[in-house]
PDB file of N, CA and C in Angstrom:
ATOM      1  N   UNK A   1      -6.664  -2.228  -6.218  1.00  0.00           N
ATOM      2  CA  UNK A   1      -8.011  -1.252  -6.144  1.00  0.00           C
ATOM      3  C   UNK A   1      -7.756  -0.020  -6.783  1.00  0.00           C
ATOM      4  N   UNK A   2      -6.569   0.364  -7.016  1.00  0.00           N
ATOM      5  CA  UNK A   2      -6.093   1.596  -7.891  1.00  0.00           C
ATOM      6  C   UNK A   2      -6.513   1.471  -9.393  1.00  0.00           C
ATOM      7  N   UNK A   3      -6.490   0.183  -9.789  1.00  0.00           N
ATOM      8  CA  UNK A   3      -6.993  -0.047 -11.091  1.00  0.00           C
ATOM      9  C   UNK A   3      -8.541   0.323 -11.343  1.00  0.00           C
ATOM     10  N   UNK A   4      -9.136  -0.309 -10.414  1.00  0.00           N
ATOM     11  CA  UNK A   4     -10.511   0.051 -10.356  1.00  0.00           C
ATOM     12  C   UNK A   4     -10.882   1.409  -9.990  1.00  0.00           C
ATOM     13  N   UNK A   5     -10.486   2.274  -9.161  1.00  0.00           N
ATOM     14  CA  UNK A   5     -10.704   3.714  -9.120  1.00  0.00           C
ATOM     15  C   UNK A   5      -9.808   4.603  -9.833  1.00  0.00           C
ATOM     16  N   UNK A   6      -8.965   4.003 -10.783  1.00  0.00           N
ATOM     17  CA  UNK A   6      -8.085   5.013 -11.649  1.00  0.00           C
ATOM     18  C   UNK A   6      -8.843   6.187 -12.263  1.00  0.00           C
ATOM     19  N   UNK A   7     -10.288   6.059 -12.781  1.00  0.00           N
ATOM     20  CA  UNK A   7     -10.894   7.104 -13.603  1.00  0.00           C
ATOM     21  C   UNK A   7     -11.562   7.984 -12.829  1.00  0.00           C
ATOM     22  N   UNK A   8     -11.518   7.967 -11.450  1.00  0.00           N
ATOM     23  CA  UNK A   8     -12.333   8.700 -10.441  1.00  0.00           C
ATOM     24  C   UNK A   8     -11.638   9.939 -10.317  1.00  0.00           C
ATOM     25  N   UNK A   9     -12.148  11.133  -9.619  1.00  0.00           N
ATOM     26  CA  UNK A   9     -11.734  12.357  -9.089  1.00  0.00           C
ATOM     27  C   UNK A   9     -10.640  11.916  -7.961  1.00  0.00           C
ATOM     28  N   UNK A  10      -9.621  12.723  -8.147  1.00  0.00           N
ATOM     29  CA  UNK A  10      -8.211  12.577  -7.347  1.00  0.00           C
ATOM     30  C   UNK A  10      -8.779  12.394  -5.797  1.00  0.00           C
ATOM     31  N   UNK A  11      -9.572  13.259  -5.242  1.00  0.00           N
ATOM     32  CA  UNK A  11      -9.950  13.073  -4.008  1.00  0.00           C
ATOM     33  C   UNK A  11     -10.508  11.882  -3.543  1.00  0.00           C
ATOM     34  N   UNK A  12     -11.518  11.452  -4.500  1.00  0.00           N
ATOM     35  CA  UNK A  12     -12.377  10.351  -4.291  1.00  0.00           C
ATOM     36  C   UNK A  12     -11.594   9.003  -4.150  1.00  0.00           C
ATOM     37  N   UNK A  13     -10.540   8.872  -5.167  1.00  0.00           N
ATOM     38  CA  UNK A  13      -9.490   8.147  -5.547  1.00  0.00           C
ATOM     39  C   UNK A  13      -8.638   7.902  -4.053  1.00  0.00           C
ATOM     40  N   UNK A  14      -8.112   9.044  -3.729  1.00  0.00           N
ATOM     41  CA  UNK A  14      -7.154   8.893  -2.395  1.00  0.00           C
ATOM     42  C   UNK A  14      -7.976   8.637  -1.106  1.00  0.00           C
ATOM     43  N   UNK A  15      -9.000   9.145  -1.001  1.00  0.00           N
ATOM     44  CA  UNK A  15     -10.171   8.355   0.110  1.00  0.00           C
ATOM     45  C   UNK A  15     -10.283   6.978   0.072  1.00  0.00           C
ATOM     46  N   UNK A  16     -10.851   6.773  -0.929  1.00  0.00           N
ATOM     47  CA  UNK A  16     -11.360   5.237  -1.009  1.00  0.00           C
ATOM     48  C   UNK A  16     -10.006   4.465  -0.825  1.00  0.00           C
ATOM     49  N   UNK A  17      -8.749   4.574  -1.526  1.00  0.00           N
ATOM     50  CA  UNK A  17      -7.567   3.716  -1.183  1.00  0.00           C
ATOM     51  C   UNK A  17      -7.142   3.934   0.324  1.00  0.00           C
ATOM     52  N   UNK A  18      -7.285   4.948   0.894  1.00  0.00           N
ATOM     53  CA  UNK A  18      -6.898   5.239   2.218  1.00  0.00           C
ATOM     54  C   UNK A  18      -7.674   4.390   3.070  1.00  0.00           C
ATOM     55  N   UNK A  19      -8.948   4.429   2.953  1.00  0.00           N
ATOM     56  CA  UNK A  19      -9.998   3.460   3.604  1.00  0.00           C
ATOM     57  C   UNK A  19      -9.637   2.051   3.442  1.00  0.00           C
ATOM     58  N   UNK A  20      -9.381   1.558   2.183  1.00  0.00           N
ATOM     59  CA  UNK A  20      -9.196   0.140   1.805  1.00  0.00           C
ATOM     60  C   UNK A  20      -8.152  -0.214   2.675  1.00  0.00           C
ATOM     61  N   UNK A  21      -7.037   0.345   2.677  1.00  0.00           N
ATOM     62  CA  UNK A  21      -5.943   0.006   2.878  1.00  0.00           C
ATOM     63  C   UNK A  21      -5.850   0.044   4.763  1.00  0.00           C
ATOM     64  N   UNK A  22      -6.539   1.087   5.163  1.00  0.00           N
ATOM     65  CA  UNK A  22      -6.782   1.120   6.756  1.00  0.00           C
ATOM     66  C   UNK A  22      -7.291  -0.045   7.059  1.00  0.00           C
ATOM     67  N   UNK A  23      -8.395  -0.349   6.603  1.00  0.00           N
ATOM     68  CA  UNK A  23      -9.195  -1.381   6.949  1.00  0.00           C
ATOM     69  C   UNK A  23      -8.738  -2.696   6.722  1.00  0.00           C
ATOM     70  N   UNK A  24      -7.831  -3.024   5.686  1.00  0.00           N
ATOM     71  CA  UNK A  24      -7.170  -4.011   5.214  1.00  0.00           C
ATOM     72  C   UNK A  24      -6.087  -4.230   6.303  1.00  0.00           C
ATOM     73  N   UNK A  25      -5.387  -3.259   6.548  1.00  0.00           N
ATOM     74  CA  UNK A  25      -4.511  -3.514   7.724  1.00  0.00           C
ATOM     75  C   UNK A  25      -4.719  -3.834   8.926  1.00  0.00           C
ATOM     76  N   UNK A  26      -5.952  -3.317   9.432  1.00  0.00           N
ATOM     77  CA  UNK A  26      -6.590  -3.698  10.524  1.00  0.00           C
ATOM     78  C   UNK A  26      -7.081  -5.219  10.949  1.00  0.00           C
ATOM     79  N   UNK A  27      -7.801  -5.686   9.711  1.00  0.00           N
ATOM     80  CA  UNK A  27      -8.103  -6.808   9.608  1.00  0.00           C
ATOM     81  C   UNK A  27      -6.999  -7.891   9.521  1.00  0.00           C
ATOM     82  N   UNK A  28      -5.850  -7.605   8.651  1.00  0.00           N
ATOM     83  CA  UNK A  28      -4.571  -8.436   8.726  1.00  0.00           C
ATOM     84  C   UNK A  28      -3.939  -8.447  10.148  1.00  0.00           C
ATOM     85  N   UNK A  29      -3.754  -7.390  10.673  1.00  0.00           N
ATOM     86  CA  UNK A  29      -3.069  -7.302  12.372  1.00  0.00           C
ATOM     87  C   UNK A  29      -3.847  -8.092  13.121  1.00  0.00           C
ATOM     88  N   UNK A  30      -5.118  -7.954  13.140  1.00  0.00           N
ATOM     89  CA  UNK A  30      -5.940  -8.760  13.924  1.00  0.00           C
ATOM     90  C   UNK A  30      -6.016 -10.186  13.856  1.00  0.00           C
ATOM     91  N   UNK A  31      -5.802 -10.630  12.413  1.00  0.00           N
ATOM     92  CA  UNK A  31      -5.933 -12.143  11.934  1.00  0.00           C
ATOM     93  C   UNK A  31      -4.396 -12.818  12.564  1.00  0.00           C
ATOM     94  N   UNK A  32      -3.267 -11.757  12.050  1.00  0.00           N
ATOM     95  CA  UNK A  32      -2.192 -12.164  12.471  1.00  0.00           C
ATOM     96  C   UNK A  32      -1.811 -12.461  14.160  1.00  0.00           C
ATOM     97  N   UNK A  33      -2.452 -11.584  14.748  1.00  0.00           N
ATOM     98  CA  UNK A  33      -2.534 -11.479  16.238  1.00  0.00           C
ATOM     99  C   UNK A  33      -3.310 -12.850  16.668  1.00  0.00           C
ATOM    100  N   UNK A  34      -4.344 -13.034  16.192  1.00  0.00           N
ATOM    101  CA  UNK A  34      -5.104 -14.264  16.699  1.00  0.00           C
ATOM    102  C   UNK A  34      -4.246 -15.631  16.135  1.00  0.00           C
ATOM    103  N   UNK A  35      -3.758 -15.591  15.194  1.00  0.00           N
ATOM    104  CA  UNK A  35      -2.955 -16.742  14.950  1.00  0.00           C
ATOM    105  C   UNK A  35      -1.654 -16.965  15.605  1.00  0.00           C
ATOM    106  N   UNK A  36      -1.107 -15.895  16.279  1.00  0.00           N
ATOM    107  CA  UNK A  36       0.060 -15.804  17.036  1.00  0.00           C
ATOM    108  C   UNK A  36       1.073 -15.419  16.337  1.00  0.00           C
ATOM    109  N   UNK A  37       0.908 -14.823  15.357  1.00  0.00           N
ATOM    110  CA  UNK A  37       2.161 -14.496  14.304  1.00  0.00           C
ATOM    111  C   UNK A  37       2.759 -13.049  14.438  1.00  0.00           C
ATOM    112  N   UNK A  38       1.918 -12.197  15.631  1.00  0.00           N
ATOM    113  CA  UNK A  38       2.506 -11.113  15.887  1.00  0.00           C
ATOM    114  C   UNK A  38       3.627 -11.354  17.124  1.00  0.00           C
ATOM    115  N   UNK A  39       4.935 -10.986  16.877  1.00  0.00           N
ATOM    116  CA  UNK A  39       5.914 -11.235  17.973  1.00  0.00           C
ATOM    117  C   UNK A  39       6.159  -9.478  18.147  1.00  0.00           C
ATOM    118  N   UNK A  40       7.031  -9.764  19.180  1.00  0.00           N
ATOM    119  CA  UNK A  40       7.518  -8.363  19.677  1.00  0.00           C
ATOM    120  C   UNK A  40       8.565  -7.774  18.771  1.00  0.00           C
ATOM    121  N   UNK A  41       9.082  -8.239  17.815  1.00  0.00           N
ATOM    122  CA  UNK A  41       9.972  -7.914  16.743  1.00  0.00           C
ATOM    123  C   UNK A  41       9.241  -7.425  15.697  1.00  0.00           C
ATOM    124  N   UNK A  42       7.841  -7.795  15.457  1.00  0.00           N
ATOM    125  CA  UNK A  42       7.075  -7.539  14.341  1.00  0.00           C
ATOM    126  C   UNK A  42       6.651  -6.143  14.977  1.00  0.00           C
ATOM    127  N   UNK A  43       6.167  -6.062  16.084  1.00  0.00           N
ATOM    128  CA  UNK A  43       5.442  -4.689  16.538  1.00  0.00           C
ATOM    129  C   UNK A  43       6.785  -3.784  16.787  1.00  0.00           C
ATOM    130  N   UNK A  44       7.942  -4.107  16.950  1.00  0.00           N
ATOM    131  CA  UNK A  44       9.035  -2.972  16.898  1.00  0.00           C
ATOM    132  C   UNK A  44       9.240  -2.490  15.531  1.00  0.00           C
ATOM    133  N   UNK A  45       9.293  -3.485  14.493  1.00  0.00           N
ATOM    134  CA  UNK A  45       9.206  -2.928  13.174  1.00  0.00           C
ATOM    135  C   UNK A  45       8.252  -2.051  12.745  1.00  0.00           C
ATOM    136  N   UNK A  46       7.052  -2.481  13.277  1.00  0.00           N
ATOM    137  CA  UNK A  46       5.839  -1.724  12.805  1.00  0.00           C
ATOM    138  C   UNK A  46       6.112  -0.351  13.457  1.00  0.00           C
ATOM    139  N   UNK A  47       6.525  -0.135  14.718  1.00  0.00           N
ATOM    140  CA  UNK A  47       6.586   1.104  15.085  1.00  0.00           C
ATOM    141  C   UNK A  47       7.600   2.009  14.764  1.00  0.00           C
ATOM    142  N   UNK A  48       8.627   1.329  13.998  1.00  0.00           N
ATOM    143  CA  UNK A  48       9.633   2.042  13.228  1.00  0.00           C
ATOM    144  C   UNK A  48       9.216   2.616  12.069  1.00  0.00           C
ATOM    145  N   UNK A  49       8.047   2.152  11.455  1.00  0.00           N
ATOM    146  CA  UNK A  49       7.364   2.587  10.035  1.00  0.00           C
ATOM    147  C   UNK A  49       6.589   3.881  10.516  1.00  0.00           C
ATOM    148  N   UNK A  50       6.106   3.912  11.713  1.00  0.00           N
ATOM    149  CA  UNK A  50       5.209   5.078  12.101  1.00  0.00           C
ATOM    150  C   UNK A  50       5.883   6.476  11.508  1.00  0.00           C
ATOM    151  N   UNK A  51       7.256   6.689  11.706  1.00  0.00           N
ATOM    152  CA  UNK A  51       7.532   8.269  11.354  1.00  0.00           C
ATOM    153  C   UNK A  51       7.391   8.208   9.740  1.00  0.00           C
ATOM    154  N   UNK A  52       7.876   7.286   8.997  1.00  0.00           N
ATOM    155  CA  UNK A  52       7.448   7.129   7.535  1.00  0.00           C
ATOM    156  C   UNK A  52       6.065   7.428   7.131  1.00  0.00           C
ATOM    157  N   UNK A  53       5.218   6.923   7.868  1.00  0.00           N
ATOM    158  CA  UNK A  53       3.825   7.008   7.520  1.00  0.00           C
ATOM    159  C   UNK A  53       3.250   8.530   7.718  1.00  0.00           C
ATOM    160  N   UNK A  54       3.769   8.995   8.985  1.00  0.00           N
ATOM    161  CA  UNK A  54       3.622  10.450   9.373  1.00  0.00           C
ATOM    162  C   UNK A  54       4.125  11.341   8.140  1.00  0.00           C
ATOM    163  N   UNK A  55       5.408  11.113   7.908  1.00  0.00           N
ATOM    164  CA  UNK A  55       6.045  11.800   6.624  1.00  0.00           C
ATOM    165  C   UNK A  55       5.258  11.770   5.707  1.00  0.00           C
ATOM    166  N   UNK A  56       4.785  10.891   4.915  1.00  0.00           N
ATOM    167  CA  UNK A  56       3.942  10.541   3.804  1.00  0.00           C
ATOM    168  C   UNK A  56       2.771  11.499   3.968  1.00  0.00           C
ATOM    169  N   UNK A  57       2.125  11.329   5.141  1.00  0.00           N
ATOM    170  CA  UNK A  57       0.800  12.149   5.500  1.00  0.00           C
ATOM    171  C   UNK A  57       1.175  13.528   5.041  1.00  0.00           C
ATOM    172  N   UNK A  58       2.071  14.116   5.633  1.00  0.00           N
ATOM    173  CA  UNK A  58       2.418  15.427   5.673  1.00  0.00           C
ATOM    174  C   UNK A  58       3.043  15.939   4.258  1.00  0.00           C
ATOM    175  N   UNK A  59       3.735  14.977   3.693  1.00  0.00           N
ATOM    176  CA  UNK A  59       4.236  15.136   2.252  1.00  0.00           C
ATOM    177  C   UNK A  59       2.950  15.332   1.368  1.00  0.00           C
ATOM    178  N   UNK A  60       2.017  14.519   1.513  1.00  0.00           N
ATOM    179  CA  UNK A  60       0.808  14.369   0.473  1.00  0.00           C
ATOM    180  C   UNK A  60       0.019  15.829   0.601  1.00  0.00           C
ATOM    181  N   UNK A  61       0.210  16.544   1.635  1.00  0.00           N
ATOM    182  CA  UNK A  61      -0.500  17.937   1.740  1.00  0.00           C
ATOM    183  C   UNK A  61       0.028  18.678   0.408  1.00  0.00           C
ATOM    184  N   UNK A  62       1.466  18.664   0.125  1.00  0.00           N
ATOM    185  CA  UNK A  62       2.146  19.279  -0.826  1.00  0.00           C
ATOM    186  C   UNK A  62       2.112  18.813  -2.289  1.00  0.00           C
ATOM    187  N   UNK A  63       2.373  17.388  -2.454  1.00  0.00           N
ATOM    188  CA  UNK A  63       2.266  16.563  -3.514  1.00  0.00           C
ATOM    189  C   UNK A  63       0.888  16.472  -4.000  1.00  0.00           C
ATOM    190  N   UNK A  64      -0.382  16.698  -3.599  1.00  0.00           N
ATOM    191  CA  UNK A  64      -1.515  16.579  -3.817  1.00  0.00           C
ATOM    192  C   UNK A  64      -1.905  17.585  -4.966  1.00  0.00           C
ATOM    193  N   UNK A  65      -1.229  19.011  -4.811  1.00  0.00           N
ATOM    194  CA  UNK A  65      -1.162  20.017  -5.427  1.00  0.00           C
ATOM    195  C   UNK A  65      -1.050  19.836  -6.754  1.00  0.00           C
ATOM    196  N   UNK A  66       0.094  19.196  -7.095  1.00  0.00           N
ATOM    197  CA  UNK A  66       0.569  18.841  -8.332  1.00  0.00           C
ATOM    198  C   UNK A  66      -0.066  17.541  -9.303  1.00  0.00           C
ATOM    199  N   UNK A  67      -0.726  16.836  -8.602  1.00  0.00           N
ATOM    200  CA  UNK A  67      -1.441  15.706  -9.120  1.00  0.00           C
ATOM    201  C   UNK A  67      -2.675  15.885  -9.830  1.00  0.00           C
ATOM    202  N   UNK A  68      -2.787  16.329 -10.850  1.00  0.00           N
ATOM    203  CA  UNK A  68      -4.189  16.456 -11.722  1.00  0.00           C
ATOM    204  C   UNK A  68      -4.365  15.301 -12.052  1.00  0.00           C
ATOM    205  N   UNK A  69      -5.401  15.066 -12.918  1.00  0.00           N
ATOM    206  CA  UNK A  69      -6.287  13.806 -13.009  1.00  0.00           C
ATOM    207  C   UNK A  69      -5.305  12.753 -13.925  1.00  0.00           C
ATOM    208  N   UNK A  70      -4.516  13.259 -14.700  1.00  0.00           N
ATOM    209  CA  UNK A  70      -3.655  12.519 -15.780  1.00  0.00           C
ATOM    210  C   UNK A  70      -2.490  12.157 -14.890  1.00  0.00           C
ATOM    211  N   UNK A  71      -1.995  12.713 -13.989  1.00  0.00           N
ATOM    212  CA  UNK A  71      -0.789  12.407 -13.045  1.00  0.00           C
ATOM    213  C   UNK A  71      -1.269  11.506 -12.359  1.00  0.00           C
ATOM    214  N   UNK A  72      -2.363  11.450 -11.586  1.00  0.00           N
ATOM    215  CA  UNK A  72      -2.863  10.641 -10.654  1.00  0.00           C
ATOM    216  C   UNK A  72      -3.009   9.369 -11.341  1.00  0.00           C
ATOM    217  N   UNK A  73      -3.696   8.925 -12.408  1.00  0.00           N
ATOM    218  CA  UNK A  73      -4.154   8.102 -13.204  1.00  0.00           C
ATOM    219  C   UNK A  73      -2.601   7.357 -13.614  1.00  0.00           C
ATOM    220  N   UNK A  74      -1.722   8.138 -14.104  1.00  0.00           N
ATOM    221  CA  UNK A  74      -0.432   7.538 -14.120  1.00  0.00           C
ATOM    222  C   UNK A  74       0.163   6.944 -12.998  1.00  0.00           C
ATOM    223  N   UNK A  75       0.084   7.651 -11.900  1.00  0.00           N
ATOM    224  CA  UNK A  75       0.623   7.219 -10.752  1.00  0.00           C
ATOM    225  C   UNK A  75       0.127   6.128 -10.039  1.00  0.00           C
ATOM    226  N   UNK A  76      -1.170   5.902  -9.996  1.00  0.00           N
ATOM    227  CA  UNK A  76      -2.104   4.856  -9.780  1.00  0.00           C
ATOM    228  C   UNK A  76      -1.625   3.750 -10.648  1.00  0.00           C
ATOM    229  N   UNK A  77      -1.449   3.730 -12.072  1.00  0.00           N
ATOM    230  CA  UNK A  77      -1.209   2.643 -12.830  1.00  0.00           C
ATOM    231  C   UNK A  77       0.504   2.192 -12.728  1.00  0.00           C
ATOM    232  N   UNK A  78       0.971   3.352 -12.653  1.00  0.00           N
ATOM    233  CA  UNK A  78       2.631   2.923 -12.175  1.00  0.00           C
ATOM    234  C   UNK A  78       2.614   1.983 -11.083  1.00  0.00           C
ATOM    235  N   UNK A  79       1.792   2.599 -10.073  1.00  0.00           N
ATOM    236  CA  UNK A  79       2.154   1.647  -8.619  1.00  0.00           C
ATOM    237  C   UNK A  79       1.523   0.154  -8.536  1.00  0.00           C
ATOM    238  N   UNK A  80       0.431   0.178  -9.577  1.00  0.00           N
ATOM    239  CA  UNK A  80       0.010  -1.319  -9.860  1.00  0.00           C
ATOM    240  C   UNK A  80       0.796  -2.136 -10.531  1.00  0.00           C
ATOM    241  N   UNK A  81       1.541  -1.363 -11.488  1.00  0.00           N
ATOM    242  CA  UNK A  81       2.404  -2.186 -12.341  1.00  0.00           C
ATOM    243  C   UNK A  81       3.838  -2.700 -11.875  1.00  0.00           C
ATOM    244  N   UNK A  82       4.236  -1.954 -11.018  1.00  0.00           N
ATOM    245  CA  UNK A  82       5.453  -1.970  -9.998  1.00  0.00           C
ATOM    246  C   UNK A  82       5.098  -3.200  -9.102  1.00  0.00           C
ATOM    247  N   UNK A  83       3.821  -3.035  -8.221  1.00  0.00           N
ATOM    248  CA  UNK A  83       3.458  -4.150  -7.593  1.00  0.00           C
ATOM    249  C   UNK A  83       3.309  -5.676  -8.210  1.00  0.00           C
ATOM    250  N   UNK A  84       2.650  -5.308  -9.310  1.00  0.00           N
ATOM    251  CA  UNK A  84       2.487  -6.778 -10.262  1.00  0.00           C
ATOM    252  C   UNK A  84       4.111  -7.318 -10.480  1.00  0.00           C
ATOM    253  N   UNK A  85       4.793  -6.453 -10.835  1.00  0.00           N
ATOM    254  CA  UNK A  85       6.254  -7.069 -11.269  1.00  0.00           C
ATOM    255  C   UNK A  85       6.941  -7.809  -9.918  1.00  0.00           C
ATOM    256  N   UNK A  86       6.809  -6.839  -8.654  1.00  0.00           N
ATOM    257  CA  UNK A  86       7.425  -7.438  -7.689  1.00  0.00           C
ATOM    258  C   UNK A  86       6.886  -8.625  -7.234  1.00  0.00           C
ATOM    259  N   UNK A  87       5.627  -8.799  -7.139  1.00  0.00           N
ATOM    260  CA  UNK A  87       4.698 -10.168  -6.728  1.00  0.00           C
ATOM    261  C   UNK A  87       5.171 -11.314  -7.777  1.00  0.00           C
ATOM    262  N   UNK A  88       5.335 -11.019  -8.987  1.00  0.00           N
ATOM    263  CA  UNK A  88       5.793 -11.932 -10.076  1.00  0.00           C
ATOM    264  C   UNK A  88       6.989 -12.547  -9.942  1.00  0.00           C
ATOM    265  N   UNK A  89       8.006 -11.330  -9.539  1.00  0.00           N
ATOM    266  CA  UNK A  89       9.605 -11.875  -9.097  1.00  0.00           C
ATOM    267  C   UNK A  89       9.524 -12.572  -8.204  1.00  0.00           C
ATOM    268  N   UNK A  90       8.782 -12.294  -7.101  1.00  0.00           N
ATOM    269  CA  UNK A  90       8.831 -13.140  -5.600  1.00  0.00           C
ATOM    270  C   UNK A  90       8.515 -14.421  -6.022  1.00  0.00           C
ATOM    271  N   UNK A  91       7.258 -14.658  -6.833  1.00  0.00           N
ATOM    272  CA  UNK A  91       6.702 -15.889  -6.870  1.00  0.00           C
ATOM    273  C   UNK A  91       7.850 -16.617  -7.828  1.00  0.00           C
ATOM    274  N   UNK A  92       8.287 -15.853  -8.662  1.00  0.00           N
ATOM    275  CA  UNK A  92       9.316 -16.925  -9.638  1.00  0.00           C
ATOM    276  C   UNK A  92      10.397 -17.162  -8.927  1.00  0.00           C
ATOM    277  N   UNK A  93      10.777 -16.475  -7.637  1.00  0.00           N
ATOM    278  CA  UNK A  93      11.938 -16.680  -6.924  1.00  0.00           C
ATOM    279  C   UNK A  93      11.649 -18.018  -6.076  1.00  0.00           C
ATOM    280  N   UNK A  94      10.424 -17.941  -5.502  1.00  0.00           N
ATOM    281  CA  UNK A  94       9.984 -19.003  -4.645  1.00  0.00           C
ATOM    282  C   UNK A  94       9.618 -20.492  -5.485  1.00  0.00           C
ATOM    283  N   UNK A  95       9.405 -20.002  -6.920  1.00  0.00           N
ATOM    284  CA  UNK A  95       9.084 -21.607  -7.746  1.00  0.00           C
ATOM    285  C   UNK A  95      10.706 -21.964  -8.109  1.00  0.00           C
ATOM    286  N   UNK A  96      11.631 -21.110  -8.090  1.00  0.00           N
ATOM    287  CA  UNK A  96      12.919 -21.630  -8.570  1.00  0.00           C
ATOM    288  C   UNK A  96      13.533 -22.267  -7.519  1.00  0.00           C
ATOM    289  N   UNK A  97      13.267 -21.905  -6.134  1.00  0.00           N
ATOM    290  CA  UNK A  97      13.896 -22.651  -4.873  1.00  0.00           C
ATOM    291  C   UNK A  97      13.042 -24.001  -4.738  1.00  0.00           C
ATOM    292  N   UNK A  98      11.885 -24.177  -5.126  1.00  0.00           N
ATOM    293  CA  UNK A  98      11.083 -25.406  -4.926  1.00  0.00           C
ATOM    294  C   UNK A  98      11.918 -26.659  -5.741  1.00  0.00           C
ATOM    295  N   UNK A  99      11.971 -27.713  -5.078  1.00  0.00           N
ATOM    296  CA  UNK A  99      12.696 -29.021  -5.787  1.00  0.00           C
ATOM    297  C   UNK A  99      11.830 -29.631  -6.553  1.00  0.00           C
TER     298      UNK A  99
END
């Protein structure tokens, strides 16, 4: 989604990405719950992530001041590239383990 919205104004990109991930996370959590894949351990791990989410939200108030259009675009492209590399590496590792 960052690639799709990279050329838009910063506030619109951030708002759209936030909504995208919020709705996507909720749908994923409900789907995993229905499938029986949400265990107490998973919920505990999720609760451990709440402080990081709140910290990121608070930090964004200060970081947004330094993100002009060019920096925001580079950040969006960098995050997308990093995600691509991590996913490709994970898939390659899984493929290597297959007989």
